[in-house]
Amino acid sequence: MNRSQDPVRVALLGCGTVGAAVARRMTERSELFAHRVGRPLHPIGIAVRHLDRERDLTGVPDGLLTDRAEDLVDGADVVVEVMGGIEPARSLIQRAIRGGAQVVTANKQLIAQHGIQLCALADEHGVALEYEGAVVAAVPVLHVVREALAGDEITSIHGIVNGSTNYVLDLVSRFGVPLGEAVTRVGELGYLEADPTEDLEGLDAAAKIVILARCAWGVDVQLEDVQREGISGLTDVDFESARGTGQVIKLIASAWRSGPATAPRVELAVHPVSLAADHPLALTRESGNAVVIEAESAGTLRLHGAGAGGEETASAVLGDLVNVARRITVAR
């Protein structure tokens, strides 16, 4: 048998909004992915917690759903984790790495809290751990920071990295909707969890800026290093005052470097900032995200686009999937 034509066996962990989008696109684009990878991608199963839950898996082959995640991981060449949360995601990823599988995840809190250890484990076992989808969904900011600017010196990163809170603030700033009502509306649109604390208190944004800082400067920063203030403490008076001076309030995540590039001192913050109404970040509407990177040679780079959503995050996940699958093709 010609092993170069063996399919790459892919296990998908999670079938929520993102997972279902990944499963559908893997099916619809199977010929394209086979061409780009050099061999077919074969989904061997989709691990879920509840087999009887309704899911939009139009076009996806029947019989892939299973609640036996560990068995699925053990039979895979690539494990794609989009289930979220810390456990069992962390244990399943560790199992996959130790078994020699390449891993793709979009789990920002897991990478922020345990990414250093997981990356070290992946290095030890000679496999990849990719997580472009964990930060700003389809906008390839991690690729820019890690790859495109590898020959430059990044001095700062600032941006709107949480689409849910940006939608809330956009409703308040542009349409005068009271803050509490704006939170309710955005929640009804599906952009906030039932418990919106992670978004409103800046925890989501903090996780993303931690990941970006590690990629930019190779530093061991943690969530507790972020000076963090969310938007729940803002009042309608704050918005009125900003409006009266021609400004808008945005939740900005920031990381900046001081000292030499070989031994950088990095500071991190997430907090509401008043910006001039014509500032590029102030013009970011609804659930959009925008990141501004300052580098010594490249100067100012601006990236913007959809920072959330099933299809948008699936785009980043599938990009990582194709890239790690290529590693397998080259190795065999």
C-alpha atoms as a PDB file:
ATOM      1  CA  MET A   1       0.000   0.000   0.000  1.00  0.00           C
ATOM      2  CA  ASN A   2       1.184   3.509  -0.769  1.00  0.00           C
ATOM      3  CA  ARG A   3       1.202   5.122   2.660  1.00  0.00           C
ATOM      4  CA  SER A   4       1.432   8.595   1.111  1.00  0.00           C
ATOM      5  CA  GLN A   5      -2.214   8.157   0.064  1.00  0.00           C
ATOM      6  CA  ASP A   6      -3.477   6.992   3.463  1.00  0.00           C
ATOM      7  CA  PRO A   7      -6.106   9.413   4.795  1.00  0.00           C
ATOM      8  CA  VAL A   8      -5.341  11.656   7.737  1.00  0.00           C
ATOM      9  CA  ARG A   9      -7.666  10.554  10.529  1.00  0.00           C
ATOM     10  CA  VAL A  10      -9.276  13.547  12.221  1.00  0.00           C
ATOM     11  CA  ALA A  11     -11.077  13.464  15.581  1.00  0.00           C
ATOM     12  CA  LEU A  12     -13.311  16.429  16.404  1.00  0.00           C
ATOM     13  CA  LEU A  13     -13.939  17.157  20.082  1.00  0.00           C
ATOM     14  CA  GLY A  14     -17.058  19.291  20.480  1.00  0.00           C
ATOM     15  CA  CYS A  15     -20.013  19.999  18.234  1.00  0.00           C
ATOM     16  CA  GLY A  16     -21.346  23.371  19.305  1.00  0.00           C
ATOM     17  CA  THR A  17     -21.524  26.348  16.987  1.00  0.00           C
ATOM     18  CA  VAL A  18     -17.851  26.136  16.006  1.00  0.00           C
ATOM     19  CA  GLY A  19     -17.601  22.349  15.981  1.00  0.00           C
ATOM     20  CA  ALA A  20     -20.635  21.949  13.745  1.00  0.00           C
ATOM     21  CA  ALA A  21     -19.244  24.540  11.322  1.00  0.00           C
ATOM     22  CA  VAL A  22     -15.903  22.691  11.214  1.00  0.00           C
ATOM     23  CA  ALA A  23     -17.663  19.361  10.543  1.00  0.00           C
ATOM     24  CA  ARG A  24     -19.801  20.807   7.750  1.00  0.00           C
ATOM     25  CA  ARG A  25     -16.889  22.547   6.025  1.00  0.00           C
ATOM     26  CA  MET A  26     -14.688  19.442   6.267  1.00  0.00           C
ATOM     27  CA  THR A  27     -17.382  17.580   4.363  1.00  0.00           C
ATOM     28  CA  GLU A  28     -18.142  20.303   1.802  1.00  0.00           C
ATOM     29  CA  ARG A  29     -14.474  21.042   1.076  1.00  0.00           C
ATOM     30  CA  SER A  30     -13.133  17.498   1.268  1.00  0.00           C
ATOM     31  CA  GLU A  31     -11.708  17.545  -2.288  1.00  0.00           C
ATOM     32  CA  LEU A  32     -10.116  20.951  -1.780  1.00  0.00           C
ATOM     33  CA  PHE A  33      -8.515  19.895   1.502  1.00  0.00           C
ATOM     34  CA  ALA A  34      -7.247  16.646  -0.026  1.00  0.00           C
ATOM     35  CA  HIS A  35      -5.599  18.694  -2.776  1.00  0.00           C
ATOM     36  CA  ARG A  36      -4.031  21.140  -0.311  1.00  0.00           C
ATOM     37  CA  VAL A  37      -2.847  18.489   2.137  1.00  0.00           C
ATOM     38  CA  GLY A  38      -1.789  15.881  -0.411  1.00  0.00           C
ATOM     39  CA  ARG A  39      -4.052  13.209   1.025  1.00  0.00           C
ATOM     40  CA  PRO A  40      -7.697  13.004   2.171  1.00  0.00           C
ATOM     41  CA  LEU A  41      -8.824  14.218   5.574  1.00  0.00           C
ATOM     42  CA  HIS A  42     -11.009  11.497   7.089  1.00  0.00           C
ATOM     43  CA  PRO A  43     -13.237  12.433  10.061  1.00  0.00           C
ATOM     44  CA  ILE A  44     -13.351   9.396  12.334  1.00  0.00           C
ATOM     45  CA  GLY A  45     -15.798  10.846  14.862  1.00  0.00           C
ATOM     46  CA  ILE A  46     -17.216  13.821  16.719  1.00  0.00           C
ATOM     47  CA  ALA A  47     -17.130  13.627  20.514  1.00  0.00           C
ATOM     48  CA  VAL A  48     -20.105  15.199  22.329  1.00  0.00           C
ATOM     49  CA  ARG A  49     -21.426  15.153  25.860  1.00  0.00           C
ATOM     50  CA  HIS A  50     -25.073  14.590  24.904  1.00  0.00           C
ATOM     51  CA  LEU A  51     -25.836  12.378  21.928  1.00  0.00           C
ATOM     52  CA  ASP A  52     -29.516  13.329  21.750  1.00  0.00           C
ATOM     53  CA  ARG A  53     -29.041  17.106  21.385  1.00  0.00           C
ATOM     54  CA  GLU A  54     -30.194  18.806  18.153  1.00  0.00           C
ATOM     55  CA  ARG A  55     -27.308  19.901  15.903  1.00  0.00           C
ATOM     56  CA  ASP A  56     -26.969  21.381  12.433  1.00  0.00           C
ATOM     57  CA  LEU A  57     -24.826  18.778  10.688  1.00  0.00           C
ATOM     58  CA  THR A  58     -26.254  19.147   7.201  1.00  0.00           C
ATOM     59  CA  GLY A  59     -24.247  17.041   4.764  1.00  0.00           C
ATOM     60  CA  VAL A  60     -22.064  15.459   7.457  1.00  0.00           C
ATOM     61  CA  PRO A  61     -21.983  11.628   7.273  1.00  0.00           C
ATOM     62  CA  ASP A  62     -24.227   9.866   9.769  1.00  0.00           C
ATOM     63  CA  GLY A  63     -22.829   7.893  12.656  1.00  0.00           C
ATOM     64  CA  LEU A  64     -19.927  10.168  13.582  1.00  0.00           C
ATOM     65  CA  LEU A  65     -21.283  11.339  16.940  1.00  0.00           C
ATOM     66  CA  THR A  66     -19.923   9.555  19.987  1.00  0.00           C
ATOM     67  CA  ASP A  67     -19.619  10.136  23.715  1.00  0.00           C
ATOM     68  CA  ARG A  68     -16.394   8.093  23.905  1.00  0.00           C
ATOM     69  CA  ALA A  69     -13.912  10.923  23.506  1.00  0.00           C
ATOM     70  CA  GLU A  70     -10.866   9.034  24.760  1.00  0.00           C
ATOM     71  CA  ASP A  71     -11.339   6.177  22.276  1.00  0.00           C
ATOM     72  CA  LEU A  72     -11.701   8.757  19.508  1.00  0.00           C
ATOM     73  CA  VAL A  73      -8.467  10.512  20.497  1.00  0.00           C
ATOM     74  CA  ASP A  74      -6.564   7.225  20.565  1.00  0.00           C
ATOM     75  CA  GLY A  75      -7.426   6.515  16.926  1.00  0.00           C
ATOM     76  CA  ALA A  76      -6.610   9.924  15.469  1.00  0.00           C
ATOM     77  CA  ASP A  77      -3.714  11.468  13.573  1.00  0.00           C
ATOM     78  CA  VAL A  78      -5.093  14.964  14.281  1.00  0.00           C
ATOM     79  CA  VAL A  79      -7.294  16.004  17.202  1.00  0.00           C
ATOM     80  CA  VAL A  80      -9.338  19.190  16.838  1.00  0.00           C
ATOM     81  CA  GLU A  81     -10.620  20.501  20.187  1.00  0.00           C
ATOM     82  CA  VAL A  82     -13.480  23.000  20.113  1.00  0.00           C
ATOM     83  CA  MET A  83     -15.391  21.866  23.192  1.00  0.00           C
ATOM     84  CA  GLY A  84     -14.197  24.750  25.401  1.00  0.00           C
ATOM     85  CA  GLY A  85     -13.567  24.818  29.128  1.00  0.00           C
ATOM     86  CA  ILE A  86     -10.511  23.496  30.944  1.00  0.00           C
ATOM     87  CA  GLU A  87     -11.540  19.918  31.617  1.00  0.00           C
ATOM     88  CA  PRO A  88     -11.861  17.463  30.009  1.00  0.00           C
ATOM     89  CA  ALA A  89     -10.289  19.438  27.143  1.00  0.00           C
ATOM     90  CA  ARG A  90      -6.846  19.630  28.777  1.00  0.00           C
ATOM     91  CA  SER A  91      -6.698  15.929  29.639  1.00  0.00           C
ATOM     92  CA  LEU A  92      -7.849  14.931  26.161  1.00  0.00           C
ATOM     93  CA  ILE A  93      -5.251  17.165  24.507  1.00  0.00           C
ATOM     94  CA  GLN A  94      -2.528  15.756  26.755  1.00  0.00           C
ATOM     95  CA  ARG A  95      -3.643  12.241  25.807  1.00  0.00           C
ATOM     96  CA  ALA A  96      -3.577  13.148  22.116  1.00  0.00           C
ATOM     97  CA  ILE A  97      -0.081  14.641  22.322  1.00  0.00           C
ATOM     98  CA  ARG A  98       1.313  11.680  24.244  1.00  0.00           C
ATOM     99  CA  GLY A  99      -0.210   9.401  21.613  1.00  0.00           C
ATOM    100  CA  GLY A 100       1.591  11.266  18.832  1.00  0.00           C
ATOM    101  CA  ALA A 101      -1.364  13.166  17.377  1.00  0.00           C
ATOM    102  CA  GLN A 102      -1.160  16.701  16.033  1.00  0.00           C
ATOM    103  CA  VAL A 103      -3.528  19.035  17.910  1.00  0.00           C
ATOM    104  CA  VAL A 104      -5.607  22.055  16.921  1.00  0.00           C
ATOM    105  CA  THR A 105      -7.634  24.026  19.441  1.00  0.00           C
ATOM    106  CA  ALA A 106      -9.617  27.255  19.635  1.00  0.00           C
ATOM    107  CA  ASN A 107      -9.759  27.168  23.439  1.00  0.00           C
ATOM    108  CA  LYS A 108      -8.454  30.568  24.587  1.00  0.00           C
ATOM    109  CA  GLN A 109      -8.815  30.027  28.337  1.00  0.00           C
ATOM    110  CA  LEU A 110      -7.061  26.667  28.140  1.00  0.00           C
ATOM    111  CA  ILE A 111      -4.165  28.149  26.150  1.00  0.00           C
ATOM    112  CA  ALA A 112      -3.954  31.214  28.396  1.00  0.00           C
ATOM    113  CA  GLN A 113      -3.912  29.128  31.574  1.00  0.00           C
ATOM    114  CA  HIS A 114      -2.060  25.988  30.478  1.00  0.00           C
ATOM    115  CA  GLY A 115      -0.636  26.739  27.037  1.00  0.00           C
ATOM    116  CA  ILE A 116       2.997  26.918  28.151  1.00  0.00           C
ATOM    117  CA  GLN A 117       2.848  23.423  29.640  1.00  0.00           C
ATOM    118  CA  LEU A 118       0.908  22.005  26.693  1.00  0.00           C
ATOM    119  CA  CYS A 119       3.309  23.505  24.155  1.00  0.00           C
ATOM    120  CA  ALA A 120       6.254  22.051  26.084  1.00  0.00           C
ATOM    121  CA  LEU A 121       4.562  18.634  26.051  1.00  0.00           C
ATOM    122  CA  ALA A 122       3.966  18.933  22.307  1.00  0.00           C
ATOM    123  CA  ASP A 123       7.632  19.826  21.747  1.00  0.00           C
ATOM    124  CA  GLU A 124       8.689  16.850  23.848  1.00  0.00           C
ATOM    125  CA  HIS A 125       6.639  14.485  21.689  1.00  0.00           C
ATOM    126  CA  GLY A 126       7.481  16.130  18.370  1.00  0.00           C
ATOM    127  CA  VAL A 127       3.948  17.179  17.433  1.00  0.00           C
ATOM    128  CA  ALA A 128       2.256  20.495  16.710  1.00  0.00           C
ATOM    129  CA  LEU A 129      -0.180  22.362  18.933  1.00  0.00           C
ATOM    130  CA  GLU A 130      -1.860  25.129  16.923  1.00  0.00           C
ATOM    131  CA  TYR A 131      -4.424  27.650  18.220  1.00  0.00           C
ATOM    132  CA  GLU A 132      -4.982  30.468  15.714  1.00  0.00           C
ATOM    133  CA  GLY A 133      -8.732  30.267  16.367  1.00  0.00           C
ATOM    134  CA  ALA A 134      -8.249  31.115  20.046  1.00  0.00           C
ATOM    135  CA  VAL A 135      -7.577  34.795  19.310  1.00  0.00           C
ATOM    136  CA  VAL A 136      -9.752  37.025  17.103  1.00  0.00           C
ATOM    137  CA  ALA A 137     -11.328  34.125  15.173  1.00  0.00           C
ATOM    138  CA  ALA A 138     -10.715  34.465  11.414  1.00  0.00           C
ATOM    139  CA  VAL A 139      -8.274  37.382  11.669  1.00  0.00           C
ATOM    140  CA  PRO A 140      -4.804  35.750  11.439  1.00  0.00           C
ATOM    141  CA  VAL A 141      -3.194  37.862  14.122  1.00  0.00           C
ATOM    142  CA  LEU A 142      -1.174  35.031  15.680  1.00  0.00           C
ATOM    143  CA  HIS A 143       0.315  34.194  12.289  1.00  0.00           C
ATOM    144  CA  VAL A 144       1.328  37.812  11.824  1.00  0.00           C
ATOM    145  CA  VAL A 145       2.889  38.029  15.277  1.00  0.00           C
ATOM    146  CA  ARG A 146       4.647  34.646  15.235  1.00  0.00           C
ATOM    147  CA  GLU A 147       5.564  34.236  11.581  1.00  0.00           C
ATOM    148  CA  ALA A 148       5.284  37.403   9.491  1.00  0.00           C
ATOM    149  CA  LEU A 149       7.041  39.568  12.098  1.00  0.00           C
ATOM    150  CA  ALA A 150       9.562  36.958  13.254  1.00  0.00           C
ATOM    151  CA  GLY A 151      12.364  39.091  11.823  1.00  0.00           C
ATOM    152  CA  ASP A 152      11.137  42.312  13.413  1.00  0.00           C
ATOM    153  CA  GLU A 153      10.830  43.681  16.952  1.00  0.00           C
ATOM    154  CA  ILE A 154       7.264  44.232  18.108  1.00  0.00           C
ATOM    155  CA  THR A 155       6.954  47.072  20.606  1.00  0.00           C
ATOM    156  CA  SER A 156       3.222  47.057  21.363  1.00  0.00           C
ATOM    157  CA  ILE A 157      -0.114  45.432  20.614  1.00  0.00           C
ATOM    158  CA  HIS A 158      -3.438  47.156  21.224  1.00  0.00           C
ATOM    159  CA  GLY A 159      -6.895  46.239  20.169  1.00  0.00           C
ATOM    160  CA  ILE A 160     -10.513  45.272  20.531  1.00  0.00           C
ATOM    161  CA  VAL A 161     -10.400  41.502  20.928  1.00  0.00           C
ATOM    162  CA  ASN A 162     -13.826  40.753  22.393  1.00  0.00           C
ATOM    163  CA  GLY A 163     -16.690  41.142  19.940  1.00  0.00           C
ATOM    164  CA  SER A 164     -19.434  40.715  22.517  1.00  0.00           C
ATOM    165  CA  THR A 165     -18.464  43.708  24.628  1.00  0.00           C
ATOM    166  CA  ASN A 166     -17.743  45.736  21.511  1.00  0.00           C
ATOM    167  CA  TYR A 167     -21.303  45.116  20.329  1.00  0.00           C
ATOM    168  CA  VAL A 168     -22.615  46.289  23.711  1.00  0.00           C
ATOM    169  CA  LEU A 169     -20.477  49.434  23.662  1.00  0.00           C
ATOM    170  CA  ASP A 170     -21.372  50.135  20.041  1.00  0.00           C
ATOM    171  CA  LEU A 171     -25.087  50.106  20.843  1.00  0.00           C
ATOM    172  CA  VAL A 172     -24.525  52.502  23.722  1.00  0.00           C
ATOM    173  CA  SER A 173     -22.165  54.869  21.889  1.00  0.00           C
ATOM    174  CA  ARG A 174     -23.857  55.061  18.492  1.00  0.00           C
ATOM    175  CA  PHE A 175     -27.521  54.622  19.379  1.00  0.00           C
ATOM    176  CA  GLY A 176     -27.747  55.815  22.974  1.00  0.00           C
ATOM    177  CA  VAL A 177     -29.071  52.486  24.253  1.00  0.00           C
ATOM    178  CA  PRO A 178     -28.717  52.272  28.061  1.00  0.00           C
ATOM    179  CA  LEU A 179     -25.914  49.920  29.101  1.00  0.00           C
ATOM    180  CA  GLY A 180     -28.161  47.388  30.840  1.00  0.00           C
ATOM    181  CA  GLU A 181     -30.505  47.217  27.867  1.00  0.00           C
ATOM    182  CA  ALA A 182     -27.570  46.878  25.465  1.00  0.00           C
ATOM    183  CA  VAL A 183     -26.268  43.877  27.432  1.00  0.00           C
ATOM    184  CA  THR A 184     -29.715  42.267  27.227  1.00  0.00           C
ATOM    185  CA  ARG A 185     -29.999  42.875  23.476  1.00  0.00           C
ATOM    186  CA  VAL A 186     -26.561  41.483  22.704  1.00  0.00           C
ATOM    187  CA  GLY A 187     -27.322  38.461  24.870  1.00  0.00           C
ATOM    188  CA  GLU A 188     -30.538  37.841  22.941  1.00  0.00           C
ATOM    189  CA  LEU A 189     -28.554  37.962  19.694  1.00  0.00           C
ATOM    190  CA  GLY A 190     -26.408  35.090  21.021  1.00  0.00           C
ATOM    191  CA  TYR A 191     -23.168  36.977  21.507  1.00  0.00           C
ATOM    192  CA  LEU A 192     -23.103  36.578  25.297  1.00  0.00           C
ATOM    193  CA  GLU A 193     -23.182  33.432  27.390  1.00  0.00           C
ATOM    194  CA  ALA A 194     -25.971  32.825  29.894  1.00  0.00           C
ATOM    195  CA  ASP A 195     -23.389  34.007  32.445  1.00  0.00           C
ATOM    196  CA  PRO A 196     -21.736  36.920  30.613  1.00  0.00           C
ATOM    197  CA  THR A 197     -19.085  37.515  33.281  1.00  0.00           C
ATOM    198  CA  GLU A 198     -16.166  36.329  31.155  1.00  0.00           C
ATOM    199  CA  ASP A 199     -16.955  38.947  28.517  1.00  0.00           C
ATOM    200  CA  LEU A 200     -18.177  41.857  30.635  1.00  0.00           C
ATOM    201  CA  GLU A 201     -15.395  41.616  33.220  1.00  0.00           C
ATOM    202  CA  GLY A 202     -12.646  41.475  30.604  1.00  0.00           C
ATOM    203  CA  LEU A 203     -11.575  37.880  31.301  1.00  0.00           C
ATOM    204  CA  ASP A 204     -11.951  36.840  27.672  1.00  0.00           C
ATOM    205  CA  ALA A 205      -9.911  39.813  26.460  1.00  0.00           C
ATOM    206  CA  ALA A 206      -7.285  39.170  29.145  1.00  0.00           C
ATOM    207  CA  ALA A 207      -6.788  35.588  27.958  1.00  0.00           C
ATOM    208  CA  LYS A 208      -6.288  36.765  24.381  1.00  0.00           C
ATOM    209  CA  ILE A 209      -3.773  39.490  25.222  1.00  0.00           C
ATOM    210  CA  VAL A 210      -1.797  36.987  27.325  1.00  0.00           C
ATOM    211  CA  ILE A 211      -1.597  34.648  24.324  1.00  0.00           C
ATOM    212  CA  LEU A 212      -0.574  37.485  22.017  1.00  0.00           C
ATOM    213  CA  ALA A 213       2.148  38.664  24.403  1.00  0.00           C
ATOM    214  CA  ARG A 214       3.630  35.189  24.686  1.00  0.00           C
ATOM    215  CA  CYS A 215       3.727  34.864  20.906  1.00  0.00           C
ATOM    216  CA  ALA A 216       5.197  38.334  20.424  1.00  0.00           C
ATOM    217  CA  TRP A 217       7.949  38.236  23.040  1.00  0.00           C
ATOM    218  CA  GLY A 218       8.313  34.671  24.294  1.00  0.00           C
ATOM    219  CA  VAL A 219       7.568  35.718  27.856  1.00  0.00           C
ATOM    220  CA  ASP A 220       5.926  33.661  30.595  1.00  0.00           C
ATOM    221  CA  VAL A 221       3.007  35.968  31.362  1.00  0.00           C
ATOM    222  CA  GLN A 222      -0.146  34.792  33.103  1.00  0.00           C
ATOM    223  CA  LEU A 223      -3.727  36.004  33.483  1.00  0.00           C
ATOM    224  CA  GLU A 224      -2.906  37.459  36.894  1.00  0.00           C
ATOM    225  CA  ASP A 225      -0.343  39.738  35.234  1.00  0.00           C
ATOM    226  CA  VAL A 226      -3.083  41.605  33.380  1.00  0.00           C
ATOM    227  CA  GLN A 227      -4.290  44.885  34.886  1.00  0.00           C
ATOM    228  CA  ARG A 228      -7.968  44.211  34.241  1.00  0.00           C
ATOM    229  CA  GLU A 229     -11.146  46.273  34.375  1.00  0.00           C
ATOM    230  CA  GLY A 230     -14.292  45.248  32.539  1.00  0.00           C
ATOM    231  CA  ILE A 231     -17.277  47.299  31.406  1.00  0.00           C
ATOM    232  CA  SER A 232     -19.789  46.301  34.087  1.00  0.00           C
ATOM    233  CA  GLY A 233     -18.701  49.213  36.294  1.00  0.00           C
ATOM    234  CA  LEU A 234     -19.441  51.823  33.644  1.00  0.00           C
ATOM    235  CA  THR A 235     -22.511  54.017  33.984  1.00  0.00           C
ATOM    236  CA  ASP A 236     -24.687  55.850  31.488  1.00  0.00           C
ATOM    237  CA  VAL A 237     -23.122  59.058  32.825  1.00  0.00           C
ATOM    238  CA  ASP A 238     -19.713  57.835  31.630  1.00  0.00           C
ATOM    239  CA  PHE A 239     -21.069  57.391  28.134  1.00  0.00           C
ATOM    240  CA  GLU A 240     -22.793  60.757  28.155  1.00  0.00           C
ATOM    241  CA  SER A 241     -19.567  62.464  29.225  1.00  0.00           C
ATOM    242  CA  ALA A 242     -17.622  60.740  26.457  1.00  0.00           C
ATOM    243  CA  ARG A 243     -20.264  61.647  23.891  1.00  0.00           C
ATOM    244  CA  GLY A 244     -20.145  65.268  24.987  1.00  0.00           C
ATOM    245  CA  THR A 245     -16.448  65.484  24.182  1.00  0.00           C
ATOM    246  CA  GLY A 246     -16.699  63.685  20.832  1.00  0.00           C
ATOM    247  CA  GLN A 247     -15.366  60.397  22.177  1.00  0.00           C
ATOM    248  CA  VAL A 248     -16.518  56.793  22.414  1.00  0.00           C
ATOM    249  CA  ILE A 249     -15.657  54.168  25.018  1.00  0.00           C
ATOM    250  CA  LYS A 250     -14.077  50.882  23.912  1.00  0.00           C
ATOM    251  CA  LEU A 251     -12.700  47.927  25.872  1.00  0.00           C
ATOM    252  CA  ILE A 252      -9.041  47.861  24.856  1.00  0.00           C
ATOM    253  CA  ALA A 253      -6.575  45.048  25.460  1.00  0.00           C
ATOM    254  CA  SER A 254      -2.948  46.195  25.453  1.00  0.00           C
ATOM    255  CA  ALA A 255       0.532  44.734  25.696  1.00  0.00           C
ATOM    256  CA  TRP A 256       3.727  46.737  25.447  1.00  0.00           C
ATOM    257  CA  ARG A 257       7.408  45.987  25.743  1.00  0.00           C
ATOM    258  CA  SER A 258      10.193  47.925  27.389  1.00  0.00           C
ATOM    259  CA  GLY A 259      13.854  47.052  27.729  1.00  0.00           C
ATOM    260  CA  PRO A 260      15.945  45.050  25.249  1.00  0.00           C
ATOM    261  CA  ALA A 261      14.275  42.566  22.902  1.00  0.00           C
ATOM    262  CA  THR A 262      16.409  39.747  24.318  1.00  0.00           C
ATOM    263  CA  ALA A 263      15.170  40.401  27.872  1.00  0.00           C
ATOM    264  CA  PRO A 264      11.883  42.254  27.496  1.00  0.00           C
ATOM    265  CA  ARG A 265       9.741  43.659  30.283  1.00  0.00           C
ATOM    266  CA  VAL A 266       6.126  43.282  29.226  1.00  0.00           C
ATOM    267  CA  GLU A 267       3.065  44.940  30.714  1.00  0.00           C
ATOM    268  CA  LEU A 268      -0.519  43.916  30.030  1.00  0.00           C
ATOM    269  CA  ALA A 269      -3.840  45.646  30.535  1.00  0.00           C
ATOM    270  CA  VAL A 270      -7.523  45.391  29.681  1.00  0.00           C
ATOM    271  CA  HIS A 271      -9.687  48.385  30.484  1.00  0.00           C
ATOM    272  CA  PRO A 272     -12.279  50.775  29.034  1.00  0.00           C
ATOM    273  CA  VAL A 273     -10.682  53.658  27.138  1.00  0.00           C
ATOM    274  CA  SER A 274     -12.205  56.863  25.757  1.00  0.00           C
ATOM    275  CA  LEU A 275     -11.138  57.340  22.143  1.00  0.00           C
ATOM    276  CA  ALA A 276     -11.714  60.112  19.626  1.00  0.00           C
ATOM    277  CA  ALA A 277     -14.707  59.192  17.477  1.00  0.00           C
ATOM    278  CA  ASP A 278     -12.541  59.019  14.340  1.00  0.00           C
ATOM    279  CA  HIS A 279      -9.870  56.770  15.898  1.00  0.00           C
ATOM    280  CA  PRO A 280      -9.497  53.491  13.926  1.00  0.00           C
ATOM    281  CA  LEU A 281     -10.445  51.416  16.974  1.00  0.00           C
ATOM    282  CA  ALA A 282     -13.407  53.673  17.716  1.00  0.00           C
ATOM    283  CA  LEU A 283     -14.742  52.925  14.235  1.00  0.00           C
ATOM    284  CA  THR A 284     -14.919  49.175  14.928  1.00  0.00           C
ATOM    285  CA  ARG A 285     -18.632  48.376  14.778  1.00  0.00           C
ATOM    286  CA  GLU A 286     -20.900  45.738  16.310  1.00  0.00           C
ATOM    287  CA  SER A 287     -19.033  42.467  17.004  1.00  0.00           C
ATOM    288  CA  GLY A 288     -15.973  43.389  14.946  1.00  0.00           C
ATOM    289  CA  ASN A 289     -12.437  43.104  16.274  1.00  0.00           C
ATOM    290  CA  ALA A 290      -9.375  45.191  15.444  1.00  0.00           C
ATOM    291  CA  VAL A 291      -5.724  44.855  16.443  1.00  0.00           C
ATOM    292  CA  VAL A 292      -2.967  47.440  16.008  1.00  0.00           C
ATOM    293  CA  ILE A 293       0.614  46.146  16.093  1.00  0.00           C
ATOM    294  CA  GLU A 294       3.627  48.458  16.335  1.00  0.00           C
ATOM    295  CA  ALA A 295       6.947  47.060  15.138  1.00  0.00           C
ATOM    296  CA  GLU A 296      10.312  48.746  14.736  1.00  0.00           C
ATOM    297  CA  SER A 297      10.779  48.017  11.023  1.00  0.00           C
ATOM    298  CA  ALA A 298       7.230  47.355   9.802  1.00  0.00           C
ATOM    299  CA  GLY A 299       5.765  50.345  11.610  1.00  0.00           C
ATOM    300  CA  THR A 300       2.037  50.301  12.314  1.00  0.00           C
ATOM    301  CA  LEU A 301      -0.002  47.315  11.164  1.00  0.00           C
ATOM    302  CA  ARG A 302      -3.780  47.153  11.507  1.00  0.00           C
ATOM    303  CA  LEU A 303      -5.810  43.968  11.280  1.00  0.00           C
ATOM    304  CA  HIS A 304      -9.573  43.919  11.554  1.00  0.00           C
ATOM    305  CA  GLY A 305     -12.459  41.581  10.863  1.00  0.00           C
ATOM    306  CA  ALA A 306     -14.905  39.220  12.501  1.00  0.00           C
ATOM    307  CA  GLY A 307     -13.654  38.281  15.943  1.00  0.00           C
ATOM    308  CA  ALA A 308     -16.355  35.753  16.762  1.00  0.00           C
ATOM    309  CA  GLY A 309     -18.881  33.423  15.171  1.00  0.00           C
ATOM    310  CA  GLY A 310     -19.015  29.763  14.257  1.00  0.00           C
ATOM    311  CA  GLU A 311     -18.039  30.086  10.600  1.00  0.00           C
ATOM    312  CA  GLU A 312     -15.369  32.697  11.291  1.00  0.00           C
ATOM    313  CA  THR A 313     -13.694  30.677  14.041  1.00  0.00           C
ATOM    314  CA  ALA A 314     -14.035  27.524  11.947  1.00  0.00           C
ATOM    315  CA  SER A 315     -12.038  29.266   9.211  1.00  0.00           C
ATOM    316  CA  ALA A 316      -9.073  29.635  11.572  1.00  0.00           C
ATOM    317  CA  VAL A 317      -9.466  26.098  12.946  1.00  0.00           C
ATOM    318  CA  LEU A 318      -9.562  24.598   9.462  1.00  0.00           C
ATOM    319  CA  GLY A 319      -6.494  26.586   8.453  1.00  0.00           C
ATOM    320  CA  ASP A 320      -4.598  25.074  11.382  1.00  0.00           C
ATOM    321  CA  LEU A 321      -5.995  21.640  10.507  1.00  0.00           C
ATOM    322  CA  VAL A 322      -4.706  21.825   6.935  1.00  0.00           C
ATOM    323  CA  ASN A 323      -1.280  22.992   8.130  1.00  0.00           C
ATOM    324  CA  VAL A 324      -0.810  20.249  10.729  1.00  0.00           C
ATOM    325  CA  ALA A 325      -2.104  17.634   8.298  1.00  0.00           C
ATOM    326  CA  ARG A 326       0.594  18.743   5.854  1.00  0.00           C
ATOM    327  CA  ARG A 327       3.171  17.894   8.534  1.00  0.00           C
ATOM    328  CA  ILE A 328       1.887  14.330   8.490  1.00  0.00           C
ATOM    329  CA  THR A 329       2.063  14.166   4.697  1.00  0.00           C
ATOM    330  CA  VAL A 330       5.664  15.360   4.726  1.00  0.00           C
ATOM    331  CA  ALA A 331       6.648  12.958   7.512  1.00  0.00           C
ATOM    332  CA  ARG A 332       5.221   9.804   5.877  1.00  0.00           C
END
